[in-house]
Amino acid sequence: MKRLMSFVTLIWIVSYALSFVGGRIGGIADKVALAAGLVFVAELVAAFRRSSGPGDFFRRNAAELLMVLPVFRCLKVFRALKRYRRLLAIMDNLLEGIDIFLRVKLPALIGKIHNTPKRAI
């Protein structure tokens, strides 16, 4: 059982990393990562139920838990990249709006200012 959990953990990490490749390989690796992740979680729950307590569980499964930690760090990095992409999209929209204002609206406003009749004081 211990070897199966280590093997599933290794498959999950490798397929998770390959899922970011994209294309056909990424799609297949994404499905394998999902299946391996589900098996890993099921094995982890079974191991927790078999253990006498949380201390015993962490002592027996420390290697698998340590192997998975980098995956969760990667998730944080990818979340940060997603936020960064959103920020770039917002900045792009803002710059596009400024560009439209400078090219279209500002000349129209300047034209109105120059074309208004001057009042006599």
C-alpha atoms as a PDB file:
ATOM      1  CA  MET A   1       0.000   0.000   0.000  1.00  0.00           C
ATOM      2  CA  LYS A   2       2.862   2.369   0.841  1.00  0.00           C
ATOM      3  CA  ARG A   3       4.525   1.803  -2.530  1.00  0.00           C
ATOM      4  CA  LEU A   4       1.253   2.378  -4.357  1.00  0.00           C
ATOM      5  CA  MET A   5       0.799   5.717  -2.613  1.00  0.00           C
ATOM      6  CA  SER A   6       4.357   6.797  -3.442  1.00  0.00           C
ATOM      7  CA  PHE A   7       3.911   5.694  -7.061  1.00  0.00           C
ATOM      8  CA  VAL A   8       0.593   7.536  -7.402  1.00  0.00           C
ATOM      9  CA  THR A   9       2.155  10.634  -5.838  1.00  0.00           C
ATOM     10  CA  LEU A  10       5.005  10.551  -8.323  1.00  0.00           C
ATOM     11  CA  ILE A  11       2.635  10.076 -11.282  1.00  0.00           C
ATOM     12  CA  TRP A  12       0.485  12.943 -10.022  1.00  0.00           C
ATOM     13  CA  ILE A  13       3.424  15.350  -9.732  1.00  0.00           C
ATOM     14  CA  VAL A  14       4.875  14.448 -13.152  1.00  0.00           C
ATOM     15  CA  SER A  15       1.528  14.597 -14.936  1.00  0.00           C
ATOM     16  CA  TYR A  16       0.660  17.859 -13.159  1.00  0.00           C
ATOM     17  CA  ALA A  17       3.903  19.397 -14.417  1.00  0.00           C
ATOM     18  CA  LEU A  18       3.280  18.086 -17.944  1.00  0.00           C
ATOM     19  CA  SER A  19      -0.258  19.485 -17.961  1.00  0.00           C
ATOM     20  CA  PHE A  20       1.222  22.984 -18.379  1.00  0.00           C
ATOM     21  CA  VAL A  21       2.914  21.992 -21.643  1.00  0.00           C
ATOM     22  CA  GLY A  22      -0.278  22.487 -23.597  1.00  0.00           C
ATOM     23  CA  GLY A  23      -1.497  20.790 -26.732  1.00  0.00           C
ATOM     24  CA  ARG A  24      -2.330  17.110 -26.865  1.00  0.00           C
ATOM     25  CA  ILE A  25       0.292  16.107 -24.279  1.00  0.00           C
ATOM     26  CA  GLY A  26      -0.991  18.731 -21.860  1.00  0.00           C
ATOM     27  CA  GLY A  27      -4.590  17.575 -22.287  1.00  0.00           C
ATOM     28  CA  ILE A  28      -3.720  13.940 -21.645  1.00  0.00           C
ATOM     29  CA  ALA A  29      -1.455  14.845 -18.726  1.00  0.00           C
ATOM     30  CA  ASP A  30      -4.212  16.992 -17.254  1.00  0.00           C
ATOM     31  CA  LYS A  31      -6.602  14.024 -17.236  1.00  0.00           C
ATOM     32  CA  VAL A  32      -3.937  11.726 -15.778  1.00  0.00           C
ATOM     33  CA  ALA A  33      -3.147  14.314 -13.094  1.00  0.00           C
ATOM     34  CA  LEU A  34      -6.815  14.553 -12.170  1.00  0.00           C
ATOM     35  CA  ALA A  35      -7.185  10.760 -11.926  1.00  0.00           C
ATOM     36  CA  ALA A  36      -3.936  10.355  -9.985  1.00  0.00           C
ATOM     37  CA  GLY A  37      -4.916  13.224  -7.697  1.00  0.00           C
ATOM     38  CA  LEU A  38      -8.229  11.563  -6.924  1.00  0.00           C
ATOM     39  CA  VAL A  39      -6.514   8.234  -6.215  1.00  0.00           C
ATOM     40  CA  PHE A  40      -3.934  10.039  -4.055  1.00  0.00           C
ATOM     41  CA  VAL A  41      -6.628  11.758  -1.996  1.00  0.00           C
ATOM     42  CA  ALA A  42      -8.546   8.485  -1.614  1.00  0.00           C
ATOM     43  CA  GLU A  43      -5.374   6.712  -0.458  1.00  0.00           C
ATOM     44  CA  LEU A  44      -4.615   9.564   1.921  1.00  0.00           C
ATOM     45  CA  VAL A  45      -8.093   9.408   3.455  1.00  0.00           C
ATOM     46  CA  ALA A  46      -7.801   5.618   3.806  1.00  0.00           C
ATOM     47  CA  ALA A  47      -4.371   5.983   5.441  1.00  0.00           C
ATOM     48  CA  PHE A  48      -5.741   8.588   7.842  1.00  0.00           C
ATOM     49  CA  ARG A  49      -8.631   6.315   8.827  1.00  0.00           C
ATOM     50  CA  ARG A  50      -6.232   3.394   9.393  1.00  0.00           C
ATOM     51  CA  SER A  51      -3.880   5.464  11.570  1.00  0.00           C
ATOM     52  CA  SER A  52      -4.314   5.757  15.320  1.00  0.00           C
ATOM     53  CA  GLY A  53      -4.227   9.566  15.233  1.00  0.00           C
ATOM     54  CA  PRO A  54      -2.904  12.607  13.379  1.00  0.00           C
ATOM     55  CA  GLY A  55       0.629  12.161  14.751  1.00  0.00           C
ATOM     56  CA  ASP A  56       0.789   8.557  13.574  1.00  0.00           C
ATOM     57  CA  PHE A  57      -0.655   9.579  10.184  1.00  0.00           C
ATOM     58  CA  PHE A  58       1.933  12.303   9.601  1.00  0.00           C
ATOM     59  CA  ARG A  59       4.777  10.082  10.769  1.00  0.00           C
ATOM     60  CA  ARG A  60       3.819   7.258   8.392  1.00  0.00           C
ATOM     61  CA  ASN A  61       2.996   9.447   5.393  1.00  0.00           C
ATOM     62  CA  ALA A  62       5.546  12.228   5.762  1.00  0.00           C
ATOM     63  CA  ALA A  63       7.338  11.395   2.499  1.00  0.00           C
ATOM     64  CA  GLU A  64       4.175  11.558   0.401  1.00  0.00           C
ATOM     65  CA  LEU A  65       3.016  14.743   2.085  1.00  0.00           C
ATOM     66  CA  LEU A  66       6.413  16.367   1.541  1.00  0.00           C
ATOM     67  CA  MET A  67       6.384  15.326  -2.116  1.00  0.00           C
ATOM     68  CA  VAL A  68       3.065  17.097  -2.626  1.00  0.00           C
ATOM     69  CA  LEU A  69       4.053  20.407  -1.000  1.00  0.00           C
ATOM     70  CA  PRO A  70       5.836  21.772  -4.105  1.00  0.00           C
ATOM     71  CA  VAL A  71       2.665  21.194  -6.125  1.00  0.00           C
ATOM     72  CA  PHE A  72       0.729  23.500  -3.808  1.00  0.00           C
ATOM     73  CA  ARG A  73       3.484  26.106  -4.064  1.00  0.00           C
ATOM     74  CA  CYS A  74       3.167  25.889  -7.843  1.00  0.00           C
ATOM     75  CA  LEU A  75      -0.553  26.494  -7.484  1.00  0.00           C
ATOM     76  CA  LYS A  76       0.180  29.706  -5.588  1.00  0.00           C
ATOM     77  CA  VAL A  77       2.575  30.824  -8.312  1.00  0.00           C
ATOM     78  CA  PHE A  78       0.020  30.105 -11.034  1.00  0.00           C
ATOM     79  CA  ARG A  79      -2.666  31.989  -9.098  1.00  0.00           C
ATOM     80  CA  ALA A  80      -0.308  34.949  -8.856  1.00  0.00           C
ATOM     81  CA  LEU A  81       0.359  34.734 -12.594  1.00  0.00           C
ATOM     82  CA  LYS A  82      -3.383  34.680 -13.255  1.00  0.00           C
ATOM     83  CA  ARG A  83      -3.786  37.844 -11.159  1.00  0.00           C
ATOM     84  CA  TYR A  84      -0.852  39.389 -12.997  1.00  0.00           C
ATOM     85  CA  ARG A  85      -2.516  38.588 -16.342  1.00  0.00           C
ATOM     86  CA  ARG A  86      -5.738  40.207 -15.127  1.00  0.00           C
ATOM     87  CA  LEU A  87      -3.785  43.278 -14.071  1.00  0.00           C
ATOM     88  CA  LEU A  88      -2.131  43.406 -17.491  1.00  0.00           C
ATOM     89  CA  ALA A  89      -5.540  43.126 -19.173  1.00  0.00           C
ATOM     90  CA  ILE A  90      -6.880  45.983 -17.036  1.00  0.00           C
ATOM     91  CA  MET A  91      -3.832  48.103 -17.844  1.00  0.00           C
ATOM     92  CA  ASP A  92      -4.217  47.290 -21.534  1.00  0.00           C
ATOM     93  CA  ASN A  93      -7.876  48.378 -21.476  1.00  0.00           C
ATOM     94  CA  LEU A  94      -6.960  51.543 -19.596  1.00  0.00           C
ATOM     95  CA  LEU A  95      -4.230  52.412 -22.099  1.00  0.00           C
ATOM     96  CA  GLU A  96      -6.606  51.715 -24.971  1.00  0.00           C
ATOM     97  CA  GLY A  97      -9.147  54.075 -23.410  1.00  0.00           C
ATOM     98  CA  ILE A  98      -6.493  56.777 -22.972  1.00  0.00           C
ATOM     99  CA  ASP A  99      -5.398  56.283 -26.579  1.00  0.00           C
ATOM    100  CA  ILE A 100      -8.987  56.679 -27.832  1.00  0.00           C
ATOM    101  CA  PHE A 101      -9.398  59.777 -25.684  1.00  0.00           C
ATOM    102  CA  LEU A 102      -6.199  61.343 -26.998  1.00  0.00           C
ATOM    103  CA  ARG A 103      -6.888  60.504 -30.649  1.00  0.00           C
ATOM    104  CA  VAL A 104     -10.644  61.159 -30.848  1.00  0.00           C
ATOM    105  CA  LYS A 105     -12.137  62.977 -27.899  1.00  0.00           C
ATOM    106  CA  LEU A 106      -9.392  65.490 -27.117  1.00  0.00           C
ATOM    107  CA  PRO A 107      -9.142  66.870 -30.675  1.00  0.00           C
ATOM    108  CA  ALA A 108     -12.939  67.190 -30.742  1.00  0.00           C
ATOM    109  CA  LEU A 109     -12.886  69.106 -27.457  1.00  0.00           C
ATOM    110  CA  ILE A 110     -10.079  71.356 -28.681  1.00  0.00           C
ATOM    111  CA  GLY A 111     -12.018  71.971 -31.896  1.00  0.00           C
ATOM    112  CA  LYS A 112     -15.077  73.039 -29.897  1.00  0.00           C
ATOM    113  CA  ILE A 113     -12.993  75.397 -27.799  1.00  0.00           C
ATOM    114  CA  HIS A 114     -11.460  77.087 -30.866  1.00  0.00           C
ATOM    115  CA  ASN A 115     -14.778  77.322 -32.723  1.00  0.00           C
ATOM    116  CA  THR A 116     -16.788  78.978 -29.952  1.00  0.00           C
ATOM    117  CA  PRO A 117     -17.448  82.656 -30.466  1.00  0.00           C
ATOM    118  CA  LYS A 118     -15.693  85.000 -28.104  1.00  0.00           C
ATOM    119  CA  ARG A 119     -17.876  87.098 -25.873  1.00  0.00           C
ATOM    120  CA  ALA A 120     -17.510  90.775 -25.652  1.00  0.00           C
ATOM    121  CA  ILE A 121     -16.791  91.980 -22.182  1.00  0.00           C
END
